Amino acid sequence: MKINKVGIIGAGKMGTGIAEVCAVAGFAVHLIDLDDDILKQSVEAVADGIARRVDREKLSSGQRKEVLDRITTGTSYDGLRNVHLAIEAAFEDEEVKKAILKQVCEVLPAEAIITTNTSSISITRLAAQTDRPGRFMGTHFMNPVPKMELVELIRGIATDEDTYHTLQDFMVSIGKVPISAEDFPAFIVHRILLPMINEAVYTLYEGVGSVESIDTAMRLGTHHPMGPLELADFIGLDTCLRVMHTLHEGLADSKYRPCPLLVKYVEAGWLGRKTGRGFYDYSGDRPIPTR
């Protein structure tokens, strides 16, 4: 099946980024969310991203309008009736995603493919909520989507090979590098990355180093572009905790036990950049460590 139109469910940071790269690559995009204000903010964020591409001479000023004109929005699933690929990019909550997938199946064309942008949830379990497990896959985009090249492609147990190859070709067409990951908790990137972040939180919790010393050590000692605690704030501490719970429960190994300090920060509502406070306080001109 040739993909010409893409539907994206969820206009948060990830859905917005996916909409931008698809529209830039020439695909018609229909973006849906429950809130008109969120959709407006999402389109404005795409416009800002396109403007930066024009400034860097990656796009011409004439192409800017063409790209934005490819994006339509709505608050109803009815807008997905003529899409060839539906990408669910909602909040990382299994019950939320299952409810969305059931509703999406009611309006999608029979031949359409569905994917989920989950970073840790079982693809096989989510596929079982749909009427087309053979045409269902995980497509885990990295954050921020317009800048990060990688997409993890995750088959469920029932995923057809044609579905995999169609999505592999699609990812290449939007400028991404697809890799294959098996349907195990957190897949590849978060299976490696989140335990590292969790261990950094343990290092802080046990008093081995301060926030600043831990992040400086990893930036200068291993040339990571961000320290692990700074990165945790960027991802969102609630997301980090959720992935660690998924790993701990799914693999039944104590090495994935979430650090109690991470739990406390989430309980306090200190979720990182999005709430203005996490391992750093973002209320001033520059981030200040909170420990």
C-alpha atoms as a PDB file:
ATOM      1  CA  MET A   1       0.000   0.000   0.000  1.00  0.00           C
ATOM      2  CA  LYS A   2       1.245   3.476  -0.859  1.00  0.00           C
ATOM      3  CA  ILE A   3       1.098   5.919   2.039  1.00  0.00           C
ATOM      4  CA  ASN A   4      -0.041   9.421   1.031  1.00  0.00           C
ATOM      5  CA  LYS A   5      -1.868  10.690   4.109  1.00  0.00           C
ATOM      6  CA  VAL A   6      -0.865  10.267   7.739  1.00  0.00           C
ATOM      7  CA  GLY A   7      -3.122  10.629  10.765  1.00  0.00           C
ATOM      8  CA  ILE A   8      -1.518  11.491  14.108  1.00  0.00           C
ATOM      9  CA  ILE A   9      -3.403  11.072  17.375  1.00  0.00           C
ATOM     10  CA  GLY A  10      -1.998  13.332  20.084  1.00  0.00           C
ATOM     11  CA  ALA A  11      -0.682  16.867  19.555  1.00  0.00           C
ATOM     12  CA  GLY A  12       1.873  16.927  22.356  1.00  0.00           C
ATOM     13  CA  LYS A  13       5.600  17.296  21.829  1.00  0.00           C
ATOM     14  CA  MET A  14       6.013  13.937  20.081  1.00  0.00           C
ATOM     15  CA  GLY A  15       2.906  14.177  17.888  1.00  0.00           C
ATOM     16  CA  THR A  16       3.858  17.714  16.885  1.00  0.00           C
ATOM     17  CA  GLY A  17       7.348  16.641  15.905  1.00  0.00           C
ATOM     18  CA  ILE A  18       6.051  13.676  13.900  1.00  0.00           C
ATOM     19  CA  ALA A  19       3.593  15.971  12.110  1.00  0.00           C
ATOM     20  CA  GLU A  20       6.420  18.338  11.172  1.00  0.00           C
ATOM     21  CA  VAL A  21       8.732  15.708   9.681  1.00  0.00           C
ATOM     22  CA  CYS A  22       5.883  14.047   7.760  1.00  0.00           C
ATOM     23  CA  ALA A  23       4.671  17.358   6.309  1.00  0.00           C
ATOM     24  CA  VAL A  24       8.207  18.428   5.374  1.00  0.00           C
ATOM     25  CA  ALA A  25       8.624  15.095   3.549  1.00  0.00           C
ATOM     26  CA  GLY A  26       5.536  15.862   1.441  1.00  0.00           C
ATOM     27  CA  PHE A  27       2.828  13.865   3.198  1.00  0.00           C
ATOM     28  CA  ALA A  28      -0.626  15.199   3.989  1.00  0.00           C
ATOM     29  CA  VAL A  29      -1.100  15.123   7.768  1.00  0.00           C
ATOM     30  CA  HIS A  30      -4.243  15.183   9.888  1.00  0.00           C
ATOM     31  CA  LEU A  31      -3.459  15.880  13.544  1.00  0.00           C
ATOM     32  CA  ILE A  32      -6.093  15.281  16.206  1.00  0.00           C
ATOM     33  CA  ASP A  33      -6.350  16.013  19.913  1.00  0.00           C
ATOM     34  CA  LEU A  34      -9.130  16.575  22.419  1.00  0.00           C
ATOM     35  CA  ASP A  35      -8.316  20.266  22.882  1.00  0.00           C
ATOM     36  CA  ASP A  36      -8.437  22.992  20.195  1.00  0.00           C
ATOM     37  CA  ASP A  37      -5.942  25.100  22.148  1.00  0.00           C
ATOM     38  CA  ILE A  38      -3.436  22.239  22.184  1.00  0.00           C
ATOM     39  CA  LEU A  39      -3.886  21.834  18.422  1.00  0.00           C
ATOM     40  CA  LYS A  40      -3.320  25.557  17.891  1.00  0.00           C
ATOM     41  CA  GLN A  41      -0.130  25.443  19.976  1.00  0.00           C
ATOM     42  CA  SER A  42       1.003  22.386  18.045  1.00  0.00           C
ATOM     43  CA  VAL A  43       0.593  24.066  14.648  1.00  0.00           C
ATOM     44  CA  GLU A  44       2.412  27.142  15.971  1.00  0.00           C
ATOM     45  CA  ALA A  45       5.265  24.903  17.123  1.00  0.00           C
ATOM     46  CA  VAL A  46       5.432  23.313  13.656  1.00  0.00           C
ATOM     47  CA  ALA A  47       5.488  26.794  12.096  1.00  0.00           C
ATOM     48  CA  ASP A  48       8.408  27.731  14.366  1.00  0.00           C
ATOM     49  CA  GLY A  49      10.222  24.563  13.358  1.00  0.00           C
ATOM     50  CA  ILE A  50       9.681  25.297   9.670  1.00  0.00           C
ATOM     51  CA  ALA A  51      10.907  28.867  10.167  1.00  0.00           C
ATOM     52  CA  ARG A  52      14.141  27.514  11.667  1.00  0.00           C
ATOM     53  CA  ARG A  53      14.566  25.253   8.645  1.00  0.00           C
ATOM     54  CA  VAL A  54      14.145  28.297   6.357  1.00  0.00           C
ATOM     55  CA  ASP A  55      16.711  30.248   8.419  1.00  0.00           C
ATOM     56  CA  ARG A  56      19.170  27.365   8.035  1.00  0.00           C
ATOM     57  CA  GLU A  57      18.361  27.232   4.288  1.00  0.00           C
ATOM     58  CA  LYS A  58      17.022  23.688   4.573  1.00  0.00           C
ATOM     59  CA  LEU A  59      13.752  24.930   3.036  1.00  0.00           C
ATOM     60  CA  SER A  60      12.906  27.948   0.880  1.00  0.00           C
ATOM     61  CA  SER A  61      10.506  30.620   2.112  1.00  0.00           C
ATOM     62  CA  GLY A  62       8.064  29.483  -0.588  1.00  0.00           C
ATOM     63  CA  GLN A  63       8.081  25.919   0.744  1.00  0.00           C
ATOM     64  CA  ARG A  64       7.164  27.134   4.236  1.00  0.00           C
ATOM     65  CA  LYS A  65       3.518  27.759   3.301  1.00  0.00           C
ATOM     66  CA  GLU A  66       3.314  24.536   1.292  1.00  0.00           C
ATOM     67  CA  VAL A  67       4.432  22.484   4.290  1.00  0.00           C
ATOM     68  CA  LEU A  68       2.013  24.163   6.698  1.00  0.00           C
ATOM     69  CA  ASP A  69      -0.843  23.764   4.216  1.00  0.00           C
ATOM     70  CA  ARG A  70      -0.332  19.991   4.310  1.00  0.00           C
ATOM     71  CA  ILE A  71      -1.384  19.896   7.982  1.00  0.00           C
ATOM     72  CA  THR A  72      -5.042  19.841   9.010  1.00  0.00           C
ATOM     73  CA  THR A  73      -6.339  19.446  12.552  1.00  0.00           C
ATOM     74  CA  GLY A  74      -9.471  18.321  14.365  1.00  0.00           C
ATOM     75  CA  THR A  75     -10.862  17.027  17.625  1.00  0.00           C
ATOM     76  CA  SER A  76     -12.813  14.119  16.110  1.00  0.00           C
ATOM     77  CA  TYR A  77     -11.634  10.702  14.960  1.00  0.00           C
ATOM     78  CA  ASP A  78     -13.731  11.238  11.818  1.00  0.00           C
ATOM     79  CA  GLY A  79     -10.756  13.054  10.288  1.00  0.00           C
ATOM     80  CA  LEU A  80      -8.947   9.716  10.073  1.00  0.00           C
ATOM     81  CA  ARG A  81     -11.422   8.135   7.653  1.00  0.00           C
ATOM     82  CA  ASN A  82      -9.145   8.557   4.626  1.00  0.00           C
ATOM     83  CA  VAL A  83      -5.646   8.147   6.085  1.00  0.00           C
ATOM     84  CA  HIS A  84      -3.303   5.352   5.057  1.00  0.00           C
ATOM     85  CA  LEU A  85      -1.231   5.366   8.247  1.00  0.00           C
ATOM     86  CA  ALA A  86      -2.412   6.287  11.751  1.00  0.00           C
ATOM     87  CA  ILE A  87       0.265   7.028  14.363  1.00  0.00           C
ATOM     88  CA  GLU A  88      -0.890   7.038  17.979  1.00  0.00           C
ATOM     89  CA  ALA A  89       1.276   9.489  19.918  1.00  0.00           C
ATOM     90  CA  ALA A  90      -0.700   9.976  23.110  1.00  0.00           C
ATOM     91  CA  PHE A  91       0.458  10.038  26.733  1.00  0.00           C
ATOM     92  CA  GLU A  92       2.536   6.992  27.765  1.00  0.00           C
ATOM     93  CA  ASP A  93      -0.282   5.211  29.584  1.00  0.00           C
ATOM     94  CA  GLU A  94      -1.361   1.745  28.464  1.00  0.00           C
ATOM     95  CA  GLU A  95      -5.046   2.153  29.278  1.00  0.00           C
ATOM     96  CA  VAL A  96      -5.199   5.502  27.463  1.00  0.00           C
ATOM     97  CA  LYS A  97      -3.547   4.001  24.409  1.00  0.00           C
ATOM     98  CA  LYS A  98      -5.848   0.963  24.392  1.00  0.00           C
ATOM     99  CA  ALA A  99      -8.936   3.188  24.513  1.00  0.00           C
ATOM    100  CA  ILE A 100      -7.631   5.331  21.643  1.00  0.00           C
ATOM    101  CA  LEU A 101      -6.800   2.328  19.473  1.00  0.00           C
ATOM    102  CA  LYS A 102     -10.291   0.867  19.816  1.00  0.00           C
ATOM    103  CA  GLN A 103     -11.846   4.158  18.704  1.00  0.00           C
ATOM    104  CA  VAL A 104      -9.383   4.633  15.854  1.00  0.00           C
ATOM    105  CA  CYS A 105     -10.233   1.206  14.400  1.00  0.00           C
ATOM    106  CA  GLU A 106     -13.884   2.208  14.083  1.00  0.00           C
ATOM    107  CA  VAL A 107     -13.116   4.907  11.502  1.00  0.00           C
ATOM    108  CA  LEU A 108      -9.938   3.827   9.707  1.00  0.00           C
ATOM    109  CA  PRO A 109     -10.057   2.283   6.224  1.00  0.00           C
ATOM    110  CA  ALA A 110      -9.670  -1.499   6.373  1.00  0.00           C
ATOM    111  CA  GLU A 111      -6.280  -1.414   4.646  1.00  0.00           C
ATOM    112  CA  ALA A 112      -4.759   1.330   6.854  1.00  0.00           C
ATOM    113  CA  ILE A 113      -1.781   0.602   9.083  1.00  0.00           C
ATOM    114  CA  ILE A 114      -1.758   1.632  12.752  1.00  0.00           C
ATOM    115  CA  THR A 115       1.356   2.313  14.794  1.00  0.00           C
ATOM    116  CA  THR A 116       2.015   3.422  18.350  1.00  0.00           C
ATOM    117  CA  ASN A 117       4.798   5.740  19.478  1.00  0.00           C
ATOM    118  CA  THR A 118       5.144   3.965  22.823  1.00  0.00           C
ATOM    119  CA  SER A 119       8.607   3.890  24.349  1.00  0.00           C
ATOM    120  CA  SER A 120       8.081   0.843  26.552  1.00  0.00           C
ATOM    121  CA  ILE A 121       4.621  -0.805  26.347  1.00  0.00           C
ATOM    122  CA  SER A 122       4.126  -4.243  24.766  1.00  0.00           C
ATOM    123  CA  ILE A 123       3.282  -3.941  21.071  1.00  0.00           C
ATOM    124  CA  THR A 124       1.622  -7.360  21.111  1.00  0.00           C
ATOM    125  CA  ARG A 125      -0.727  -6.318  23.936  1.00  0.00           C
ATOM    126  CA  LEU A 126      -1.669  -3.070  22.190  1.00  0.00           C
ATOM    127  CA  ALA A 127      -2.153  -4.844  18.853  1.00  0.00           C
ATOM    128  CA  ALA A 128      -4.658  -7.178  20.494  1.00  0.00           C
ATOM    129  CA  GLN A 129      -6.922  -4.173  21.118  1.00  0.00           C
ATOM    130  CA  THR A 130      -7.229  -3.530  17.378  1.00  0.00           C
ATOM    131  CA  ASP A 131      -9.071  -5.216  14.535  1.00  0.00           C
ATOM    132  CA  ARG A 132      -5.819  -5.574  12.542  1.00  0.00           C
ATOM    133  CA  PRO A 133      -2.895  -6.946  14.612  1.00  0.00           C
ATOM    134  CA  GLY A 134      -1.148  -7.896  11.368  1.00  0.00           C
ATOM    135  CA  ARG A 135      -1.167  -4.243  10.315  1.00  0.00           C
ATOM    136  CA  PHE A 136      -0.018  -2.897  13.666  1.00  0.00           C
ATOM    137  CA  MET A 137       3.505  -1.988  14.815  1.00  0.00           C
ATOM    138  CA  GLY A 138       5.484   0.107  17.219  1.00  0.00           C
ATOM    139  CA  THR A 139       7.255   3.159  15.798  1.00  0.00           C
ATOM    140  CA  HIS A 140       9.283   4.690  18.621  1.00  0.00           C
ATOM    141  CA  PHE A 141      10.478   8.128  17.497  1.00  0.00           C
ATOM    142  CA  MET A 142      13.205   9.836  19.509  1.00  0.00           C
ATOM    143  CA  ASN A 143      12.734  13.226  21.189  1.00  0.00           C
ATOM    144  CA  PRO A 144      12.976  15.860  19.731  1.00  0.00           C
ATOM    145  CA  VAL A 145      11.597  14.253  16.599  1.00  0.00           C
ATOM    146  CA  PRO A 146      12.779  16.848  14.023  1.00  0.00           C
ATOM    147  CA  LYS A 147      16.407  16.554  15.218  1.00  0.00           C
ATOM    148  CA  MET A 148      16.838  12.887  16.122  1.00  0.00           C
ATOM    149  CA  GLU A 149      17.486  10.515  13.243  1.00  0.00           C
ATOM    150  CA  LEU A 150      16.492   7.206  14.816  1.00  0.00           C
ATOM    151  CA  VAL A 151      13.158   5.368  14.853  1.00  0.00           C
ATOM    152  CA  GLU A 152      12.790   1.966  16.503  1.00  0.00           C
ATOM    153  CA  LEU A 153      10.463  -0.361  14.573  1.00  0.00           C
ATOM    154  CA  ILE A 154       8.929  -2.992  16.846  1.00  0.00           C
ATOM    155  CA  ARG A 155       6.903  -5.915  15.547  1.00  0.00           C
ATOM    156  CA  GLY A 156       4.198  -7.512  17.628  1.00  0.00           C
ATOM    157  CA  ILE A 157       3.878 -11.288  17.485  1.00  0.00           C
ATOM    158  CA  ALA A 158       1.206 -10.945  14.759  1.00  0.00           C
ATOM    159  CA  THR A 159       2.770  -8.164  12.657  1.00  0.00           C
ATOM    160  CA  ASP A 160       2.905  -8.997   8.938  1.00  0.00           C
ATOM    161  CA  GLU A 161       6.219  -8.698   7.090  1.00  0.00           C
ATOM    162  CA  ASP A 162       4.550  -6.433   4.497  1.00  0.00           C
ATOM    163  CA  THR A 163       3.599  -4.045   7.295  1.00  0.00           C
ATOM    164  CA  TYR A 164       7.170  -3.958   8.559  1.00  0.00           C
ATOM    165  CA  HIS A 165       8.650  -3.284   5.123  1.00  0.00           C
ATOM    166  CA  THR A 166       6.039  -0.616   4.323  1.00  0.00           C
ATOM    167  CA  LEU A 167       6.902   1.240   7.519  1.00  0.00           C
ATOM    168  CA  GLN A 168      10.612   0.758   7.001  1.00  0.00           C
ATOM    169  CA  ASP A 169      10.329   2.441   3.594  1.00  0.00           C
ATOM    170  CA  PHE A 170       8.109   5.171   5.036  1.00  0.00           C
ATOM    171  CA  MET A 171      10.643   6.034   7.746  1.00  0.00           C
ATOM    172  CA  VAL A 172      13.402   6.349   5.171  1.00  0.00           C
ATOM    173  CA  SER A 173      11.141   8.619   3.092  1.00  0.00           C
ATOM    174  CA  ILE A 174      10.728  11.055   6.022  1.00  0.00           C
ATOM    175  CA  GLY A 175      14.474  11.162   6.635  1.00  0.00           C
ATOM    176  CA  LYS A 176      14.713   8.728   9.528  1.00  0.00           C
ATOM    177  CA  VAL A 177      16.998   5.748  10.116  1.00  0.00           C
ATOM    178  CA  PRO A 178      14.833   2.761  11.143  1.00  0.00           C
ATOM    179  CA  ILE A 179      16.199  -0.076  13.247  1.00  0.00           C
ATOM    180  CA  SER A 180      14.444  -3.287  14.224  1.00  0.00           C
ATOM    181  CA  ALA A 181      13.796  -3.968  17.924  1.00  0.00           C
ATOM    182  CA  GLU A 182      12.120  -6.962  19.518  1.00  0.00           C
ATOM    183  CA  ASP A 183       8.956  -6.624  21.603  1.00  0.00           C
ATOM    184  CA  PHE A 184      10.567  -6.712  25.046  1.00  0.00           C
ATOM    185  CA  PRO A 185      10.034  -4.065  27.757  1.00  0.00           C
ATOM    186  CA  ALA A 186      11.492  -0.668  26.737  1.00  0.00           C
ATOM    187  CA  PHE A 187      12.925  -2.080  23.466  1.00  0.00           C
ATOM    188  CA  ILE A 188      16.560  -0.996  22.787  1.00  0.00           C
ATOM    189  CA  VAL A 189      17.094   2.692  23.495  1.00  0.00           C
ATOM    190  CA  HIS A 190      15.179   2.956  26.770  1.00  0.00           C
ATOM    191  CA  ARG A 191      16.329  -0.505  27.907  1.00  0.00           C
ATOM    192  CA  ILE A 192      19.844   0.966  27.966  1.00  0.00           C
ATOM    193  CA  LEU A 193      19.199   4.667  28.624  1.00  0.00           C
ATOM    194  CA  LEU A 194      16.688   4.622  31.494  1.00  0.00           C
ATOM    195  CA  PRO A 195      18.653   2.256  33.774  1.00  0.00           C
ATOM    196  CA  MET A 196      21.638   4.587  33.282  1.00  0.00           C
ATOM    197  CA  ILE A 197      19.500   7.542  34.374  1.00  0.00           C
ATOM    198  CA  ASN A 198      18.104   5.524  37.277  1.00  0.00           C
ATOM    199  CA  GLU A 199      21.657   4.651  38.376  1.00  0.00           C
ATOM    200  CA  ALA A 200      22.574   8.349  38.224  1.00  0.00           C
ATOM    201  CA  VAL A 201      19.638   9.060  40.565  1.00  0.00           C
ATOM    202  CA  TYR A 202      20.895   6.316  42.911  1.00  0.00           C
ATOM    203  CA  THR A 203      24.336   7.933  42.798  1.00  0.00           C
ATOM    204  CA  LEU A 204      22.719  11.186  43.931  1.00  0.00           C
ATOM    205  CA  TYR A 205      20.491   9.410  46.481  1.00  0.00           C
ATOM    206  CA  GLU A 206      23.469   7.672  48.089  1.00  0.00           C
ATOM    207  CA  GLY A 207      25.493  10.885  48.291  1.00  0.00           C
ATOM    208  CA  VAL A 208      28.242   9.777  45.916  1.00  0.00           C
ATOM    209  CA  GLY A 209      27.976  13.079  44.052  1.00  0.00           C
ATOM    210  CA  SER A 210      25.824  16.183  43.689  1.00  0.00           C
ATOM    211  CA  VAL A 211      23.538  16.893  40.729  1.00  0.00           C
ATOM    212  CA  GLU A 212      26.180  19.151  39.227  1.00  0.00           C
ATOM    213  CA  SER A 213      29.096  16.766  39.771  1.00  0.00           C
ATOM    214  CA  ILE A 214      27.195  13.770  38.344  1.00  0.00           C
ATOM    215  CA  ASP A 215      26.160  15.633  35.192  1.00  0.00           C
ATOM    216  CA  THR A 216      29.594  17.221  34.747  1.00  0.00           C
ATOM    217  CA  ALA A 217      31.245  13.817  35.161  1.00  0.00           C
ATOM    218  CA  MET A 218      29.186  12.277  32.365  1.00  0.00           C
ATOM    219  CA  ARG A 219      29.420  15.276  30.030  1.00  0.00           C
ATOM    220  CA  LEU A 220      33.192  15.649  30.333  1.00  0.00           C
ATOM    221  CA  GLY A 221      34.118  12.078  31.229  1.00  0.00           C
ATOM    222  CA  THR A 222      32.124  10.327  28.502  1.00  0.00           C
ATOM    223  CA  HIS A 223      31.284  13.225  26.133  1.00  0.00           C
ATOM    224  CA  HIS A 224      27.530  12.826  26.620  1.00  0.00           C
ATOM    225  CA  PRO A 225      25.837  15.988  25.289  1.00  0.00           C
ATOM    226  CA  MET A 226      23.656  16.134  28.431  1.00  0.00           C
ATOM    227  CA  GLY A 227      24.299  14.784  31.898  1.00  0.00           C
ATOM    228  CA  PRO A 228      21.895  11.986  32.936  1.00  0.00           C
ATOM    229  CA  LEU A 229      19.984  14.117  35.464  1.00  0.00           C
ATOM    230  CA  GLU A 230      19.639  16.998  33.010  1.00  0.00           C
ATOM    231  CA  LEU A 231      18.423  14.464  30.446  1.00  0.00           C
ATOM    232  CA  ALA A 232      15.931  13.023  32.941  1.00  0.00           C
ATOM    233  CA  ASP A 233      14.475  16.517  33.421  1.00  0.00           C
ATOM    234  CA  PHE A 234      14.246  16.891  29.630  1.00  0.00           C
ATOM    235  CA  ILE A 235      12.455  13.542  29.194  1.00  0.00           C
ATOM    236  CA  GLY A 236      10.187  14.076  32.215  1.00  0.00           C
ATOM    237  CA  LEU A 237      10.735  12.314  35.540  1.00  0.00           C
ATOM    238  CA  ASP A 238       7.251  10.789  35.385  1.00  0.00           C
ATOM    239  CA  THR A 239       8.133   9.194  32.044  1.00  0.00           C
ATOM    240  CA  CYS A 240      11.451   7.941  33.435  1.00  0.00           C
ATOM    241  CA  LEU A 241       9.679   6.387  36.414  1.00  0.00           C
ATOM    242  CA  ARG A 242       7.014   4.801  34.233  1.00  0.00           C
ATOM    243  CA  VAL A 243       9.636   3.128  32.030  1.00  0.00           C
ATOM    244  CA  MET A 244      11.539   1.852  35.078  1.00  0.00           C
ATOM    245  CA  HIS A 245       8.311   0.359  36.455  1.00  0.00           C
ATOM    246  CA  THR A 246       7.732  -1.312  33.073  1.00  0.00           C
ATOM    247  CA  LEU A 247      11.240  -2.789  33.101  1.00  0.00           C
ATOM    248  CA  HIS A 248      11.012  -3.882  36.743  1.00  0.00           C
ATOM    249  CA  GLU A 249       7.613  -5.525  36.329  1.00  0.00           C
ATOM    250  CA  GLY A 250       8.221  -6.934  32.852  1.00  0.00           C
ATOM    251  CA  LEU A 251      11.661  -8.445  33.484  1.00  0.00           C
ATOM    252  CA  ALA A 252      11.308  -9.243  37.214  1.00  0.00           C
ATOM    253  CA  ASP A 253      14.903  -8.227  37.910  1.00  0.00           C
ATOM    254  CA  SER A 254      15.802  -6.120  40.957  1.00  0.00           C
ATOM    255  CA  LYS A 255      18.437  -4.206  38.994  1.00  0.00           C
ATOM    256  CA  TYR A 256      15.560  -2.268  37.404  1.00  0.00           C
ATOM    257  CA  ARG A 257      14.034  -1.150  40.726  1.00  0.00           C
ATOM    258  CA  PRO A 258      13.250   2.583  40.470  1.00  0.00           C
ATOM    259  CA  CYS A 259      15.347   4.703  42.804  1.00  0.00           C
ATOM    260  CA  PRO A 260      13.279   5.921  45.810  1.00  0.00           C
ATOM    261  CA  LEU A 261      14.488   9.468  45.168  1.00  0.00           C
ATOM    262  CA  LEU A 262      13.046   9.367  41.647  1.00  0.00           C
ATOM    263  CA  VAL A 263       9.741   8.213  43.136  1.00  0.00           C
ATOM    264  CA  LYS A 264       9.781  11.089  45.653  1.00  0.00           C
ATOM    265  CA  TYR A 265      10.436  13.712  42.986  1.00  0.00           C
ATOM    266  CA  VAL A 266       7.497  12.449  40.946  1.00  0.00           C
ATOM    267  CA  GLU A 267       5.267  12.350  44.030  1.00  0.00           C
ATOM    268  CA  ALA A 268       6.223  15.980  44.710  1.00  0.00           C
ATOM    269  CA  GLY A 269       5.236  16.961  41.163  1.00  0.00           C
ATOM    270  CA  TRP A 270       8.849  17.818  40.332  1.00  0.00           C
ATOM    271  CA  LEU A 271       8.768  16.335  36.846  1.00  0.00           C
ATOM    272  CA  GLY A 272      11.540  18.309  35.176  1.00  0.00           C
ATOM    273  CA  ARG A 273      11.426  21.048  32.571  1.00  0.00           C
ATOM    274  CA  LYS A 274       7.702  20.733  31.910  1.00  0.00           C
ATOM    275  CA  THR A 275       6.848  21.672  35.506  1.00  0.00           C
ATOM    276  CA  GLY A 276       9.761  24.083  36.002  1.00  0.00           C
ATOM    277  CA  ARG A 277      11.466  21.930  38.616  1.00  0.00           C
ATOM    278  CA  GLY A 278      13.122  18.535  38.748  1.00  0.00           C
ATOM    279  CA  PHE A 279      16.765  17.844  39.459  1.00  0.00           C
ATOM    280  CA  TYR A 280      17.161  21.472  38.408  1.00  0.00           C
ATOM    281  CA  ASP A 281      15.060  24.556  39.146  1.00  0.00           C
ATOM    282  CA  TYR A 282      14.191  26.317  35.875  1.00  0.00           C
ATOM    283  CA  SER A 283      12.546  29.429  37.329  1.00  0.00           C
ATOM    284  CA  GLY A 284      15.567  31.686  36.879  1.00  0.00           C
ATOM    285  CA  ASP A 285      17.828  32.741  34.015  1.00  0.00           C
ATOM    286  CA  ARG A 286      19.711  29.457  34.212  1.00  0.00           C
ATOM    287  CA  PRO A 287      18.944  26.043  35.714  1.00  0.00           C
ATOM    288  CA  ILE A 288      20.007  25.646  39.357  1.00  0.00           C
ATOM    289  CA  PRO A 289      20.548  22.167  40.883  1.00  0.00           C
ATOM    290  CA  THR A 290      17.932  21.279  43.493  1.00  0.00           C
ATOM    291  CA  ARG A 291      20.314  19.021  45.448  1.00  0.00           C
END
